């Protein structure tokens, strides 16, 4: 009897993610497989995932791939125990599509099904887009991966904001996150 060889490429990523999904997020931070090159997967800045130029239409597959996504010093990779493939991410890999105030916490929902409580371990930050001058707000999701906070969600945060000194911001789990500087400009 011969042992089945491990799947590689896109099939390998899907298999590894499926095998780990029943136990929660796979421990991609512990895996150290060899780099196997690039795979033609791109996450557009609006959060849409593409494979070979075509949108990945199966939401469950995108969610599955998101569980084996890792940010390394040389970029974003889909990682399994046996291989690591670089992908292209235009901005942040996820989009925060909802926020709820639950007690002292701001809880964000992402387009790939993550629920994230902002706080000391999951900071909210706002950058200013150099080209447009508009705010680009983010929330940390896990292990260096962030979600771009969708514009309607950012407007909700602005409505929740309180002023501390010259800065407007929001509090969550004991941490204060500036979202606008004096004069109302975003932080």
Protein backbone atom coordinates (compact mmCIF):
# COMPACT_ATOMS: atom_id res chain seq x y z
CA UNK A 1 0.00 0.00 0.00
CA UNK A 2 1.41 3.41 -0.93
CA UNK A 3 0.95 6.53 1.12
CA UNK A 4 -0.91 9.35 -0.62
CA UNK A 5 1.36 12.30 -1.36
CA UNK A 6 0.32 15.61 0.17
CA UNK A 7 -1.61 17.95 -2.07
CA UNK A 8 0.22 21.04 -3.22
CA UNK A 9 -0.71 24.43 -4.63
CA UNK A 10 -4.26 25.68 -4.30
CA UNK A 11 -5.58 22.19 -3.51
CA UNK A 12 -3.02 21.81 -0.73
CA UNK A 13 -3.96 25.16 0.80
CA UNK A 14 -7.65 24.26 0.72
CA UNK A 15 -7.00 20.81 2.22
CA UNK A 16 -4.84 22.17 5.03
CA UNK A 17 -7.35 24.89 5.86
CA UNK A 18 -10.27 22.43 5.88
CA UNK A 19 -8.39 20.02 8.13
CA UNK A 20 -7.64 22.77 10.64
CA UNK A 21 -10.95 24.65 10.46
CA UNK A 22 -12.80 22.25 12.74
CA UNK A 23 -10.28 23.07 15.50
CA UNK A 24 -10.39 26.86 15.10
CA UNK A 25 -7.70 28.88 13.36
CA UNK A 26 -4.73 26.80 12.21
CA UNK A 27 -1.40 27.60 13.91
CA UNK A 28 0.19 29.15 10.80
CA UNK A 29 2.58 31.12 13.02
CA UNK A 30 4.15 27.82 14.10
CA UNK A 31 4.57 26.35 10.62
CA UNK A 32 7.89 26.84 8.85
CA UNK A 33 7.51 25.22 5.41
CA UNK A 34 9.77 25.98 2.47
CA UNK A 35 8.81 28.88 0.19
CA UNK A 36 7.29 27.37 -2.94
CA UNK A 37 6.96 30.54 -5.02
CA UNK A 38 3.95 32.64 -5.83
CA UNK A 39 0.37 31.72 -6.52
CA UNK A 40 -1.83 33.96 -8.64
CA UNK A 41 -4.12 35.07 -5.83
CA UNK A 42 -4.73 38.76 -5.33
CA UNK A 43 -6.79 40.47 -2.63
CA UNK A 44 -8.03 43.73 -4.05
CA UNK A 45 -8.23 46.78 -1.79
CA UNK A 46 -12.02 46.38 -1.62
CA UNK A 47 -11.57 42.91 -0.08
CA UNK A 48 -12.44 40.84 -3.17
CA UNK A 49 -10.21 37.78 -3.63
CA UNK A 50 -9.12 36.79 -7.16
CA UNK A 51 -7.50 33.63 -8.50
CA UNK A 52 -5.88 33.88 -11.93
CA UNK A 53 -7.77 37.13 -12.60
CA UNK A 54 -11.21 35.76 -11.73
CA UNK A 55 -13.07 36.66 -8.51
CA UNK A 56 -13.35 33.74 -6.11
CA UNK A 57 -17.12 33.52 -5.89
CA UNK A 58 -17.38 30.91 -3.15
CA UNK A 59 -17.48 32.82 0.12
CA UNK A 60 -16.68 29.64 2.07
CA UNK A 61 -13.48 29.16 0.05
CA UNK A 62 -12.35 32.72 0.70
CA UNK A 63 -13.00 32.23 4.42
CA UNK A 64 -11.05 29.00 4.32
CA UNK A 65 -8.05 30.63 2.60
CA UNK A 66 -8.16 33.54 5.05
CA UNK A 67 -7.45 31.12 7.90
CA UNK A 68 -4.06 30.14 6.42
CA UNK A 69 -3.00 33.68 5.50
CA UNK A 70 0.16 34.94 7.16
CA UNK A 71 2.12 38.19 6.98
CA UNK A 72 5.88 37.64 6.92
CA UNK A 73 8.60 40.29 6.51
CA UNK A 74 8.65 39.57 2.77
CA UNK A 75 4.89 39.83 2.27
CA UNK A 76 1.63 37.91 2.50
CA UNK A 77 1.58 34.12 2.12
CA UNK A 78 -0.85 31.25 2.18
CA UNK A 79 0.83 28.71 4.46
CA UNK A 80 0.34 25.01 5.07
CA UNK A 81 2.53 22.65 7.07
CA UNK A 82 4.34 21.67 3.83
CA UNK A 83 4.41 24.80 1.65
CA UNK A 84 4.31 28.57 1.64
CA UNK A 85 3.14 30.60 -1.37
CA UNK A 86 3.26 34.36 -1.73
CA UNK A 87 0.09 36.20 -2.75
CA UNK A 88 -0.63 39.84 -3.60
CA UNK A 89 -2.57 42.05 -1.18
CA UNK A 90 -3.32 45.57 -2.44
CA UNK A 91 -4.08 47.09 0.98
CA UNK A 92 -5.35 45.12 3.97
CA UNK A 93 -6.40 41.50 3.49
CA UNK A 94 -9.74 41.96 5.27
CA UNK A 95 -12.54 44.54 5.47
CA UNK A 96 -14.29 45.42 8.75
CA UNK A 97 -17.93 45.49 7.65
CA UNK A 98 -19.64 46.05 11.00
CA UNK A 99 -18.98 47.36 14.48
CA UNK A 100 -21.03 46.90 17.64
CA UNK A 101 -20.55 48.36 21.10
CA UNK A 102 -20.87 45.45 23.53
CA UNK A 103 -20.27 46.68 27.06
CA UNK A 104 -16.83 48.31 27.08
CA UNK A 105 -15.76 46.66 23.83
CA UNK A 106 -16.01 47.61 20.18
CA UNK A 107 -16.52 44.34 18.29
CA UNK A 108 -15.80 44.35 14.56
CA UNK A 109 -17.02 41.77 12.05
CA UNK A 110 -14.92 41.18 8.94
CA UNK A 111 -15.83 40.13 5.44
CA UNK A 112 -14.27 36.70 6.11
CA UNK A 113 -16.21 35.98 9.30
CA UNK A 114 -13.77 37.10 11.99
CA UNK A 115 -15.10 38.81 15.12
CA UNK A 116 -12.48 41.12 16.60
CA UNK A 117 -12.62 43.04 19.88
CA UNK A 118 -10.60 46.23 19.64
CA UNK A 119 -8.30 46.78 22.58
CA UNK A 120 -4.65 46.71 23.59
CA UNK A 121 -4.00 43.61 21.45
CA UNK A 122 -6.17 44.69 18.51
CA UNK A 123 -5.54 48.37 17.93
CA UNK A 124 -7.49 50.75 15.73
CA UNK A 125 -5.30 53.08 13.68
CA UNK A 126 -6.01 55.73 11.06
CA UNK A 127 -3.67 56.70 8.25
CA UNK A 128 -4.21 59.55 5.83
CA UNK A 129 -4.16 58.54 2.15
CA UNK A 130 -1.38 60.61 0.60
CA UNK A 131 -3.16 60.81 -2.76
CA UNK A 132 -6.65 61.76 -1.57
CA UNK A 133 -6.12 63.17 1.92
CA UNK A 134 -8.88 60.86 3.15
CA UNK A 135 -8.65 58.69 6.25
CA UNK A 136 -7.73 54.99 5.89
CA UNK A 137 -8.81 53.37 9.19
CA UNK A 138 -7.71 49.86 10.17
CA UNK A 139 -8.23 47.40 13.01
CA UNK A 140 -5.74 44.67 13.88
CA UNK A 141 -7.32 41.22 13.43
CA UNK A 142 -4.61 38.67 14.25
CA UNK A 143 -0.83 38.21 14.02
CA UNK A 144 -0.12 41.38 12.05
CA UNK A 145 -3.13 41.01 9.73
CA UNK A 146 -5.45 44.00 9.58
CA UNK A 147 -8.89 44.86 8.28
CA UNK A 148 -9.60 48.11 6.51
CA UNK A 149 -12.57 49.65 8.29
CA UNK A 150 -15.31 50.23 5.70
CA UNK A 151 -16.44 53.84 5.31
CA UNK A 152 -19.94 53.32 6.85
CA UNK A 153 -18.34 51.58 9.84
CA UNK A 154 -15.85 54.45 10.23
CA UNK A 155 -18.79 56.89 10.25
CA UNK A 156 -20.29 54.85 13.10
CA UNK A 157 -17.00 55.15 15.00
CA UNK A 158 -17.02 58.91 14.41
CA UNK A 159 -20.50 59.09 15.97
CA UNK A 160 -19.19 57.17 19.02
CA UNK A 161 -16.08 59.35 19.37
CA UNK A 162 -15.33 61.39 22.46
CA UNK A 163 -12.78 64.13 22.89
CA UNK A 164 -9.63 63.74 25.01
CA UNK A 165 -7.63 66.92 24.98
CA UNK A 166 -7.31 67.94 21.34
CA UNK A 167 -8.02 64.47 19.95
CA UNK A 168 -11.25 62.71 19.05
CA UNK A 169 -11.26 58.94 19.47
CA UNK A 170 -13.01 55.81 20.62
CA UNK A 171 -12.41 53.58 23.63
CA UNK A 172 -12.52 49.81 23.70
CA UNK A 173 -11.42 47.38 26.39
CA UNK A 174 -9.63 50.11 28.31
CA UNK A 175 -7.68 51.53 25.36
CA UNK A 176 -8.27 54.88 23.63
CA UNK A 177 -7.78 55.07 19.85
CA UNK A 178 -7.49 58.48 18.16
CA UNK A 179 -9.54 58.74 14.99
CA UNK A 180 -9.42 62.50 14.40
CA UNK A 181 -6.98 65.25 15.27
CA UNK A 182 -7.75 68.89 16.18
CA UNK A 183 -10.11 70.58 13.79
CA UNK A 184 -11.80 67.30 12.93
CA UNK A 185 -9.15 66.02 10.51
CA UNK A 186 -8.59 62.30 10.81
CA UNK A 187 -5.65 61.18 12.91
